Protein backbone atom coordinates (compact mmCIF):
# COMPACT_ATOMS: atom_id res chain seq x y z
CA MET A 1 -3.57 17.18 10.55
CA ARG A 2 -2.18 14.02 12.13
CA TYR A 3 1.32 14.53 10.82
CA ASN A 4 3.69 17.36 10.18
CA THR A 5 4.70 16.59 6.66
CA ALA A 6 7.01 18.18 4.06
CA MET A 7 4.04 18.82 1.74
CA ASN A 8 1.83 21.98 1.83
CA GLU A 9 -1.13 23.33 -0.21
CA SER A 10 1.23 24.36 -3.17
CA THR A 11 2.25 20.58 -3.43
CA TYR A 12 -1.51 19.54 -3.78
CA LYS A 13 -2.26 22.44 -6.11
CA GLN A 14 0.54 21.38 -8.50
CA ARG A 15 -0.84 17.82 -8.46
CA ARG A 16 -4.56 19.04 -9.28
CA ASP A 17 -3.02 21.27 -12.05
CA ARG A 18 -1.06 18.42 -13.47
CA LEU A 19 -4.20 16.15 -13.40
CA GLN A 20 -6.30 18.81 -15.27
CA VAL A 21 -3.58 19.14 -18.00
CA MET A 22 -3.77 15.22 -18.39
CA MET A 23 -7.55 15.22 -18.58
CA ARG A 24 -9.67 15.95 -21.74
CA ASP A 25 -12.16 18.56 -21.52
CA GLY A 26 -14.72 17.45 -18.87
CA VAL A 27 -15.37 17.20 -15.20
CA ALA A 28 -13.68 14.96 -12.68
CA VAL A 29 -15.50 14.14 -9.46
CA ILE A 30 -13.42 12.53 -6.63
CA GLY A 31 -15.06 11.73 -3.26
CA ASN A 32 -13.33 11.26 -0.09
CA ALA A 33 -14.05 8.01 1.96
CA ARG A 34 -16.92 7.82 4.17
CA LEU A 35 -17.00 6.56 7.65
CA GLN A 36 -17.42 2.83 7.65
CA THR A 37 -19.51 1.09 10.43
CA ARG A 38 -17.73 -1.42 12.56
CA SER A 39 -20.81 -2.59 14.53
CA ASN A 40 -24.19 -1.04 15.27
CA ASP A 41 -23.23 2.73 15.82
CA THR A 42 -19.44 2.48 16.05
CA GLU A 43 -17.08 3.15 13.18
CA TYR A 44 -13.69 1.94 12.13
CA PRO A 45 -10.94 4.44 12.58
CA TYR A 46 -11.18 6.92 9.59
CA ARG A 47 -8.75 6.92 6.74
CA PRO A 48 -9.25 9.22 3.61
CA ASN A 49 -9.45 7.95 0.13
CA SER A 50 -5.97 7.75 -1.19
CA ASP A 51 -6.52 9.65 -4.48
CA PHE A 52 -8.47 12.41 -2.67
CA TYR A 53 -5.80 12.91 -0.12
CA TYR A 54 -3.11 12.86 -2.85
CA LEU A 55 -4.92 15.75 -4.51
CA THR A 56 -5.93 17.74 -1.37
CA GLY A 57 -4.10 16.67 1.65
CA PHE A 58 -7.57 16.96 3.40
CA GLU A 59 -8.38 14.26 5.96
CA GLU A 60 -12.13 14.92 6.76
CA ASP A 61 -14.81 12.63 5.58
CA ASN A 62 -17.81 13.66 3.49
CA ALA A 63 -15.68 15.92 1.24
CA ILE A 64 -15.73 16.03 -2.56
CA LEU A 65 -13.29 17.46 -5.06
CA LEU A 66 -14.46 18.52 -8.48
CA LEU A 67 -12.08 19.58 -11.20
CA SER A 68 -13.23 20.93 -14.61
CA LYS A 69 -11.52 21.63 -17.88
CA ARG A 70 -13.05 23.38 -20.95
CA GLU A 71 -11.13 25.04 -23.66
CA GLY A 72 -7.93 25.45 -21.57
CA VAL A 73 -9.80 26.90 -18.60
CA PHE A 74 -9.55 25.08 -15.31
CA LYS A 75 -11.88 25.30 -12.40
CA THR A 76 -11.51 23.64 -9.04
CA VAL A 77 -14.37 23.25 -6.54
CA LEU A 78 -14.29 21.69 -3.05
CA PHE A 79 -17.25 20.52 -1.00
CA VAL A 80 -16.62 20.00 2.75
CA GLN A 81 -18.70 19.22 5.77
CA LYS A 82 -20.28 22.27 7.32
CA LYS A 83 -19.55 23.27 10.89
CA VAL A 84 -22.29 22.03 13.27
CA PRO A 85 -21.34 22.84 16.89
CA GLU A 86 -23.78 20.17 18.20
CA MET A 87 -22.14 17.33 16.18
CA GLU A 88 -18.64 18.72 16.86
CA LEU A 89 -19.18 18.21 20.52
CA TRP A 90 -19.39 14.38 19.75
CA THR A 91 -17.07 13.84 16.87
CA GLY A 92 -14.51 16.84 16.95
CA GLU A 93 -14.03 20.11 15.21
CA ARG A 94 -14.56 20.47 11.52
CA LEU A 95 -12.73 22.84 9.15
CA GLY A 96 -15.98 24.25 7.60
CA VAL A 97 -16.53 26.25 4.59
CA GLU A 98 -15.09 29.61 5.46
CA ALA A 99 -11.92 28.08 6.93
CA ALA A 100 -11.54 25.87 3.78
CA LYS A 101 -11.68 28.89 1.55
CA ARG A 102 -8.73 30.24 3.34
CA ARG A 103 -6.69 27.04 3.46
CA PHE A 104 -7.10 25.69 0.04
CA ASP A 105 -6.09 27.25 -3.34
CA VAL A 106 -9.28 26.37 -5.01
CA ASP A 107 -11.99 28.54 -6.99
CA GLU A 108 -14.90 27.77 -4.93
CA VAL A 109 -15.91 25.99 -1.63
CA PHE A 110 -19.49 24.71 -0.86
CA SER A 111 -20.92 22.77 2.04
CA SER A 112 -21.21 19.05 1.11
CA ASP A 113 -24.98 19.51 1.58
CA ALA A 114 -24.95 21.60 -1.47
CA TYR A 115 -23.36 18.94 -3.70
CA ARG A 116 -26.51 17.88 -5.42
CA GLU A 117 -27.91 21.30 -6.14
CA GLN A 118 -24.63 22.60 -7.34
CA LEU A 119 -23.77 19.50 -9.54
CA SER A 120 -25.96 20.25 -12.36
CA THR A 121 -24.56 23.86 -12.75
CA LEU A 122 -21.00 22.57 -12.57
CA LEU A 123 -21.63 19.80 -15.21
CA ALA A 124 -23.39 22.14 -17.62
CA GLU A 125 -21.77 22.37 -21.05
CA HIS A 126 -19.59 19.32 -20.33
CA THR A 127 -20.23 15.95 -22.17
CA LEU A 128 -17.42 13.97 -20.43
CA VAL A 129 -17.29 13.04 -16.67
CA TYR A 130 -14.42 11.42 -14.95
CA PHE A 131 -15.21 9.34 -11.82
CA ASP A 132 -13.69 6.61 -9.62
CA LEU A 133 -14.81 3.38 -11.34
CA PHE A 134 -14.07 1.38 -8.25
CA SER A 135 -15.98 3.48 -5.67
CA SER A 136 -19.77 2.66 -4.73
CA ASP A 137 -19.93 5.81 -2.61
CA ALA A 138 -23.07 7.85 -2.49
CA VAL A 139 -20.95 10.68 -4.16
CA TYR A 140 -21.28 8.76 -7.34
CA THR A 141 -24.94 7.71 -6.80
CA THR A 142 -25.80 11.25 -6.68
CA LEU A 143 -23.63 12.02 -9.82
CA LYS A 144 -25.49 9.34 -11.69
CA GLU A 145 -28.83 10.61 -10.68
CA VAL A 146 -28.11 14.17 -11.64
CA THR A 147 -26.64 13.24 -15.05
CA GLN A 148 -29.80 11.17 -15.86
CA GLU A 149 -31.84 14.15 -14.75
CA MET A 150 -29.92 16.45 -17.10
CA LEU A 151 -30.33 13.99 -19.98
CA HIS A 152 -34.22 14.11 -19.68
CA THR A 153 -34.36 17.98 -19.35
CA ARG A 154 -35.36 19.51 -22.60
CA ALA A 155 -33.83 22.85 -21.71
CA ILE A 156 -30.42 21.30 -21.39
CA THR A 157 -28.82 20.61 -24.80
CA ILE A 158 -25.27 19.63 -23.70
CA SER A 159 -24.88 17.25 -20.76
CA PRO A 160 -22.67 14.52 -19.79
CA ARG A 161 -22.85 11.29 -21.99
CA THR A 162 -19.42 9.79 -21.70
CA PHE A 163 -17.81 8.52 -18.54
CA SER A 164 -14.19 7.73 -17.81
CA ASP A 165 -12.22 6.26 -14.93
CA ILE A 166 -10.17 9.05 -13.32
CA THR A 167 -8.14 6.66 -11.32
CA LYS A 168 -6.24 5.73 -14.53
CA LEU A 169 -4.80 9.22 -14.53
CA THR A 170 -4.27 9.60 -10.71
CA GLN A 171 -2.56 6.15 -10.55
CA GLU A 172 -0.18 7.10 -13.38
CA MET A 173 0.72 10.31 -11.43
CA ARG A 174 1.28 8.37 -8.16
CA LEU A 175 3.84 6.04 -9.75
CA ILE A 176 6.77 8.35 -9.58
CA LYS A 177 7.48 9.56 -5.94
CA SER A 178 8.74 13.01 -5.19
CA GLU A 179 11.39 13.60 -2.64
CA ALA A 180 8.87 14.59 -0.08
CA GLU A 181 6.96 11.36 -0.56
CA VAL A 182 10.07 9.30 -0.10
CA ALA A 183 10.84 11.22 2.99
CA LEU A 184 7.61 10.11 4.49
CA ILE A 185 8.24 6.58 3.44
CA ARG A 186 11.69 6.69 5.11
CA GLU A 187 10.05 8.08 8.33
CA ALA A 188 7.60 5.08 8.17
CA LEU A 189 10.44 2.60 7.62
CA ALA A 190 12.42 4.14 10.64
CA ILE A 191 9.56 3.44 12.79
CA THR A 192 9.12 -0.02 11.38
CA GLN A 193 12.75 -0.82 11.93
CA LYS A 194 12.36 -0.01 15.61
CA ALA A 195 9.23 -2.20 15.81
CA HIS A 196 10.73 -5.23 14.12
CA HIS A 197 13.90 -4.99 16.35
CA HIS A 198 11.82 -4.55 19.46
CA ALA A 199 9.67 -7.45 18.72
CA MET A 200 12.59 -9.81 17.89
CA LYS A 201 13.99 -9.12 21.27
CA VAL A 202 10.66 -9.77 23.27
CA CYS A 203 9.55 -12.77 21.15
CA GLU A 204 9.46 -15.97 23.28
CA GLU A 205 7.95 -19.40 23.44
CA GLY A 206 4.40 -19.60 24.59
CA MET A 207 3.69 -15.99 23.44
CA LEU A 208 0.37 -15.54 21.67
CA GLU A 209 0.71 -14.27 18.00
CA TYR A 210 -1.48 -11.37 18.73
CA ALA A 211 0.57 -10.52 21.88
CA LEU A 212 3.55 -10.22 19.65
CA GLN A 213 1.38 -8.10 17.14
CA ALA A 214 0.66 -5.78 20.09
CA GLU A 215 4.37 -5.19 20.56
CA TYR A 216 4.56 -3.90 16.91
CA GLU A 217 1.62 -1.74 17.17
CA TYR A 218 2.85 -0.29 20.60
CA VAL A 219 6.03 0.70 18.84
CA PHE A 220 4.17 2.13 15.81
CA LYS A 221 2.04 4.54 17.89
CA LYS A 222 4.87 5.30 20.47
CA GLU A 223 7.14 6.46 17.71
CA GLY A 224 4.54 8.70 15.94
CA ALA A 225 2.89 6.34 13.41
CA TYR A 226 -0.95 6.75 13.71
CA SER A 227 -1.58 3.19 12.35
CA ASP A 228 -0.26 0.31 10.59
CA ALA A 229 -0.19 0.30 6.95
CA TYR A 230 -2.15 -3.00 6.76
CA THR A 231 -3.22 -5.80 9.22
CA THR A 232 0.00 -7.33 10.60
CA ILE A 233 0.60 -10.80 10.05
CA ILE A 234 2.12 -12.86 12.90
CA ALA A 235 2.47 -16.47 11.49
CA GLY A 236 4.12 -19.03 13.85
CA GLY A 237 5.38 -22.24 12.44
CA ASN A 238 3.13 -23.75 9.74
CA ASN A 239 0.86 -20.69 9.87
CA ALA A 240 3.41 -19.09 7.65
CA ASN A 241 2.28 -21.19 4.88
CA THR A 242 -0.89 -19.28 4.72
CA LEU A 243 0.17 -16.19 2.82
CA HIS A 244 -2.29 -13.63 4.25
CA TYR A 245 -2.66 -15.14 7.71
CA ILE A 246 -4.04 -12.67 10.10
CA LYS A 247 -5.93 -14.73 12.72
CA ASN A 248 -2.83 -14.25 14.85
CA ASP A 249 -4.40 -16.42 17.63
CA GLN A 250 -2.03 -19.32 18.16
CA ARG A 251 0.84 -19.67 20.68
CA LEU A 252 4.44 -19.49 19.41
CA LYS A 253 6.23 -22.73 19.95
CA GLU A 254 9.92 -23.65 20.79
CA GLY A 255 11.79 -24.55 17.64
CA ASP A 256 9.50 -22.77 15.26
CA LEU A 257 9.97 -19.81 13.06
CA VAL A 258 7.69 -16.82 13.08
CA LEU A 259 7.05 -14.95 9.90
CA VAL A 260 5.98 -11.31 10.50
CA ASP A 261 4.84 -9.09 7.81
CA ALA A 262 4.40 -5.57 9.54
CA GLY A 263 4.73 -1.96 8.49
CA ALA A 264 3.87 1.40 9.88
CA GLU A 265 2.04 4.10 8.05
CA TYR A 266 3.22 7.74 8.37
CA GLY A 267 1.85 10.69 6.74
CA TYR A 268 -0.53 8.26 4.95
CA TYR A 269 2.53 6.57 3.23
CA ALA A 270 3.22 2.84 3.85
CA SER A 271 6.09 0.80 4.71
CA ASP A 272 5.81 -3.02 4.09
CA ILE A 273 8.44 -5.38 5.69
CA THR A 274 8.59 -9.08 6.30
CA ARG A 275 11.09 -10.84 8.53
CA THR A 276 11.20 -14.30 9.48
CA TYR A 277 12.93 -15.15 12.66
CA PRO A 278 13.35 -18.10 15.26
CA VAL A 279 11.11 -17.88 18.34
CA ASN A 280 13.96 -19.29 20.59
CA GLY A 281 16.57 -17.01 18.96
CA THR A 282 18.54 -19.49 17.10
CA PHE A 283 17.96 -21.07 13.56
CA SER A 284 17.97 -24.75 13.37
CA PRO A 285 20.18 -26.14 10.53
CA ALA A 286 17.27 -26.88 8.31
CA GLN A 287 15.72 -23.47 9.02
CA LYS A 288 19.02 -21.91 8.26
CA GLU A 289 19.45 -23.75 5.00
CA LEU A 290 16.08 -22.47 3.75
CA TYR A 291 16.50 -18.95 5.09
CA GLU A 292 19.86 -18.50 3.40
CA ILE A 293 18.40 -19.61 -0.02
CA VAL A 294 15.63 -17.05 0.27
CA LEU A 295 17.89 -14.27 1.49
CA ASP A 296 20.47 -15.02 -1.33
CA VAL A 297 17.73 -14.69 -3.98
CA GLN A 298 16.48 -11.52 -2.34
CA LEU A 299 19.93 -9.86 -2.40
CA LYS A 300 20.45 -10.86 -6.10
CA ILE A 301 17.06 -9.46 -7.11
CA ILE A 302 17.73 -6.30 -5.38
CA ALA A 303 21.11 -5.91 -6.88
CA ALA A 304 19.48 -6.25 -10.36
CA ILE A 305 17.04 -3.26 -10.02
CA LYS A 306 17.90 -0.20 -12.12
CA PRO A 307 16.19 2.15 -14.52
CA ASN A 308 14.82 0.44 -17.65
CA GLY A 309 14.74 -2.85 -15.91
CA SER A 310 11.37 -4.76 -15.62
CA LYS A 311 9.31 -6.46 -12.90
CA LYS A 312 8.80 -9.35 -15.24
CA ALA A 313 12.62 -9.95 -15.54
CA LEU A 314 12.84 -9.87 -11.78
CA GLN A 315 10.00 -12.38 -11.42
CA ALA A 316 11.54 -14.73 -13.85
CA LEU A 317 14.98 -14.44 -12.08
CA SER A 318 13.51 -15.05 -8.73
CA GLU A 319 11.60 -18.13 -9.98
CA ARG A 320 14.72 -19.60 -11.48
CA LEU A 321 16.97 -18.84 -8.41
CA LEU A 322 14.38 -20.31 -5.97
CA THR A 323 13.87 -23.29 -8.03
CA GLU A 324 17.64 -23.94 -8.26
CA GLY A 325 17.67 -23.52 -4.42
CA MET A 326 14.70 -25.99 -3.84
CA VAL A 327 16.53 -28.69 -6.23
CA LYS A 328 19.73 -28.23 -4.19
CA LEU A 329 17.95 -28.98 -0.89
CA GLY A 330 15.93 -31.80 -2.36
CA ILE A 331 12.63 -30.14 -2.08
CA LEU A 332 12.21 -30.36 -5.96
CA GLU A 333 13.60 -33.06 -8.09
CA GLY A 334 14.57 -32.80 -11.81
CA SER A 335 16.14 -30.25 -14.10
CA VAL A 336 15.44 -26.55 -13.27
CA LYS A 337 14.27 -25.92 -16.84
CA SER A 338 11.80 -28.87 -16.70
CA LEU A 339 10.39 -27.93 -13.24
CA MET A 340 9.90 -24.36 -14.29
CA ASP A 341 8.23 -25.27 -17.60
CA GLU A 342 5.82 -27.47 -15.56
CA LYS A 343 5.48 -24.57 -13.00
CA ALA A 344 6.34 -27.17 -10.28
CA HIS A 345 8.06 -24.26 -8.27
CA LYS A 346 4.78 -22.42 -8.07
CA GLN A 347 3.55 -24.92 -5.43
CA TYR A 348 6.10 -23.37 -2.95
CA TYR A 349 6.61 -19.97 -4.42
CA PRO A 350 3.02 -18.99 -5.67
CA HIS A 351 3.30 -15.06 -5.45
CA GLY A 352 4.84 -12.19 -7.29
CA ILE A 353 8.32 -10.82 -6.42
CA GLY A 354 6.77 -7.54 -5.14
CA HIS A 355 4.46 -4.60 -5.91
CA TRP A 356 4.44 -0.87 -6.08
CA MET A 357 4.12 0.89 -2.74
CA GLY A 358 3.24 4.32 -1.72
CA ILE A 359 0.11 5.86 -0.27
CA ASP A 360 -1.51 2.36 -0.52
CA VAL A 361 0.64 -0.43 0.68
CA HIS A 362 -0.18 -2.11 -2.61
CA ASP A 363 -0.17 1.14 -4.68
CA PRO A 364 -2.60 0.56 -7.55
CA CYS A 365 -0.29 2.21 -10.05
CA PRO A 366 -0.05 0.68 -13.56
CA TYR A 367 2.33 -2.09 -14.61
CA SER A 368 1.71 -1.69 -18.25
CA ASP A 369 0.79 0.98 -20.87
CA ASP A 370 -2.20 1.34 -22.80
CA ASN A 371 -0.80 -1.04 -25.46
CA GLY A 372 -0.12 -3.74 -22.86
CA GLU A 373 3.55 -2.99 -22.85
CA GLU A 374 5.29 -3.35 -19.47
CA LEU A 375 6.34 -0.12 -17.75
CA LEU A 376 10.03 -0.19 -17.15
CA PHE A 377 11.62 1.04 -13.97
CA ALA A 378 12.34 4.82 -13.62
CA LYS A 379 13.98 6.87 -10.95
CA GLY A 380 11.34 7.63 -8.28
CA MET A 381 9.45 4.41 -8.34
CA VAL A 382 9.04 2.42 -5.04
CA LEU A 383 8.48 -1.29 -4.85
CA THR A 384 8.85 -4.18 -2.55
CA ILE A 385 11.01 -7.21 -3.08
CA GLU A 386 9.71 -10.30 -1.14
CA PRO A 387 10.80 -13.83 -2.35
CA GLY A 388 9.59 -16.75 -0.19
CA ILE A 389 9.50 -20.44 0.17
CA TYR A 390 6.34 -22.16 1.71
CA LEU A 391 6.45 -25.78 2.86
CA PRO A 392 3.15 -27.09 4.37
CA GLU A 393 3.71 -29.51 7.02
CA ASP A 394 1.41 -32.06 5.52
CA ASP A 395 3.28 -32.18 2.19
CA ASP A 396 4.83 -35.57 1.98
CA ASN A 397 6.89 -34.64 -1.07
CA VAL A 398 9.02 -32.25 0.99
CA PRO A 399 11.90 -33.71 3.06
CA GLU A 400 10.57 -34.07 6.54
CA LYS A 401 13.06 -31.72 8.12
CA TYR A 402 11.66 -28.75 6.05
CA ARG A 403 8.03 -29.41 6.58
CA GLY A 404 6.01 -26.77 8.23
CA ILE A 405 8.55 -23.98 7.42
CA GLY A 406 7.44 -20.76 5.53
CA ILE A 407 9.96 -18.07 4.96
CA ARG A 408 9.59 -14.69 3.24
CA ILE A 409 11.98 -11.76 3.32
CA GLU A 410 10.68 -8.35 2.21
CA ASP A 411 12.29 -4.96 1.85
CA ASP A 412 11.18 -1.67 0.20
CA ILE A 413 13.21 -0.48 -2.77
CA LEU A 414 13.57 3.02 -4.31
CA VAL A 415 14.69 3.21 -8.03
CA THR A 416 17.47 5.69 -8.30
CA THR A 417 19.29 7.38 -11.20
CA ASP A 418 21.65 4.55 -11.77
CA GLY A 419 20.46 1.66 -9.70
CA CYS A 420 18.35 1.36 -6.47
CA GLU A 421 18.48 2.06 -2.79
CA ASN A 422 17.15 -0.37 -0.28
CA LEU A 423 15.31 1.97 2.05
CA SER A 424 14.89 -0.64 4.80
CA GLU A 425 18.39 -1.96 4.84
CA GLY A 426 18.83 -1.12 8.32
CA ILE A 427 16.41 -3.69 9.54
CA ALA A 428 18.20 -6.98 10.64
CA LYS A 429 18.21 -9.68 7.99
CA SER A 430 21.30 -11.83 7.82
CA VAL A 431 21.23 -14.92 10.03
CA ALA A 432 23.82 -13.46 12.31
CA GLU A 433 21.94 -10.15 12.50
CA VAL A 434 18.66 -11.77 13.18
CA GLU A 435 19.97 -14.09 15.79
CA ARG A 436 21.76 -11.33 17.47
CA MET A 437 18.71 -9.22 17.55
CA CYS A 438 16.50 -12.13 18.86
CA GLN A 439 19.11 -12.89 21.59
CA GLY A 440 18.86 -9.20 22.78
CA TYR A 441 22.20 -8.01 21.55
CA GLY A 442 21.19 -5.93 18.56
CA HIS A 443 20.60 -2.17 18.49
């Protein structure tokens, strides 16, 4: 494994057991991600499917987990790539079937090559199959073909006829993080903190955005993170007004701000941090005015997070506070209520206040229940808080001194028993802290 984590096989076994309890009688098929071609015969660095890893802790491609439940009896089957010495010479050692039997607390282990031939036996006497609705992997193509064959085989009287999305259950499970999961996020953030502080110190006029990106990635790997949690955004000046700017190919200019959205991934758990700082180390008066508006909103939103609170309430509060700030600076004109009714503020604050975070940087956990009611905050949830203001340089409705400035400030928040904890509070954020770090005086 790439990481020495606090989780072991018993953790993953408990998760599988919990999922089987949540399931109706049926069979769940969860495939791991396949290698993805980058160009010709080279692949992207491999990362496992998040749900598969959450349930197994297994990192190899071409693996499949099958869980069955029938009248209170559970069965767990794992398919893994067989050992082929000739291939291992090129691609590295595989665990193989026999070692997998010793490592995993499952009922049976087969070679992935045996998936098709075993599938009809494992599906027998089951009418319900759970699968990953969002995957187009060959695992599910084979599943479809085998179930079709079973339907047309006269000797088989009971076969799958109902299909359900297993991710609905796994994503509910992933919503509340265990102490071990939070520990991995903390480690990711400790590395991310070092990267942001290092980059603030080395950032300078004339530097290419991707050169600053390289400084982040250098620290990530140097400090033990195998990769970033997502493609780093390095947006100098007006580029910050493109929310998911990842070209990162322009030079940083004297007098501009640079918006950096960068987070390390550790143990397959994400961090997600945005900081906006001056290329020359000092905020201009206009930049400082905007920055402090955004920072004040972010601090107030974080302070409002507690169990039984709601993301919708945070969104509404952030929009009202940012609108008030933009009216104060003359970016918007009119009453706050009228502007919000007209959604005028959305032009400069178009996104949500945050999102769930965990194994995926945008953890696909539910925001509402089966009745459409919003899920309220509970201890163990982790979310980002990231208000922003984005003022394009060609917007003549914006006072000239603010044009071309985009500011976002983002932290990662853990909901606790009676409030919340800012897991990333150690990353420089106030004007004074940021300037001190950019000028080389921070720690």
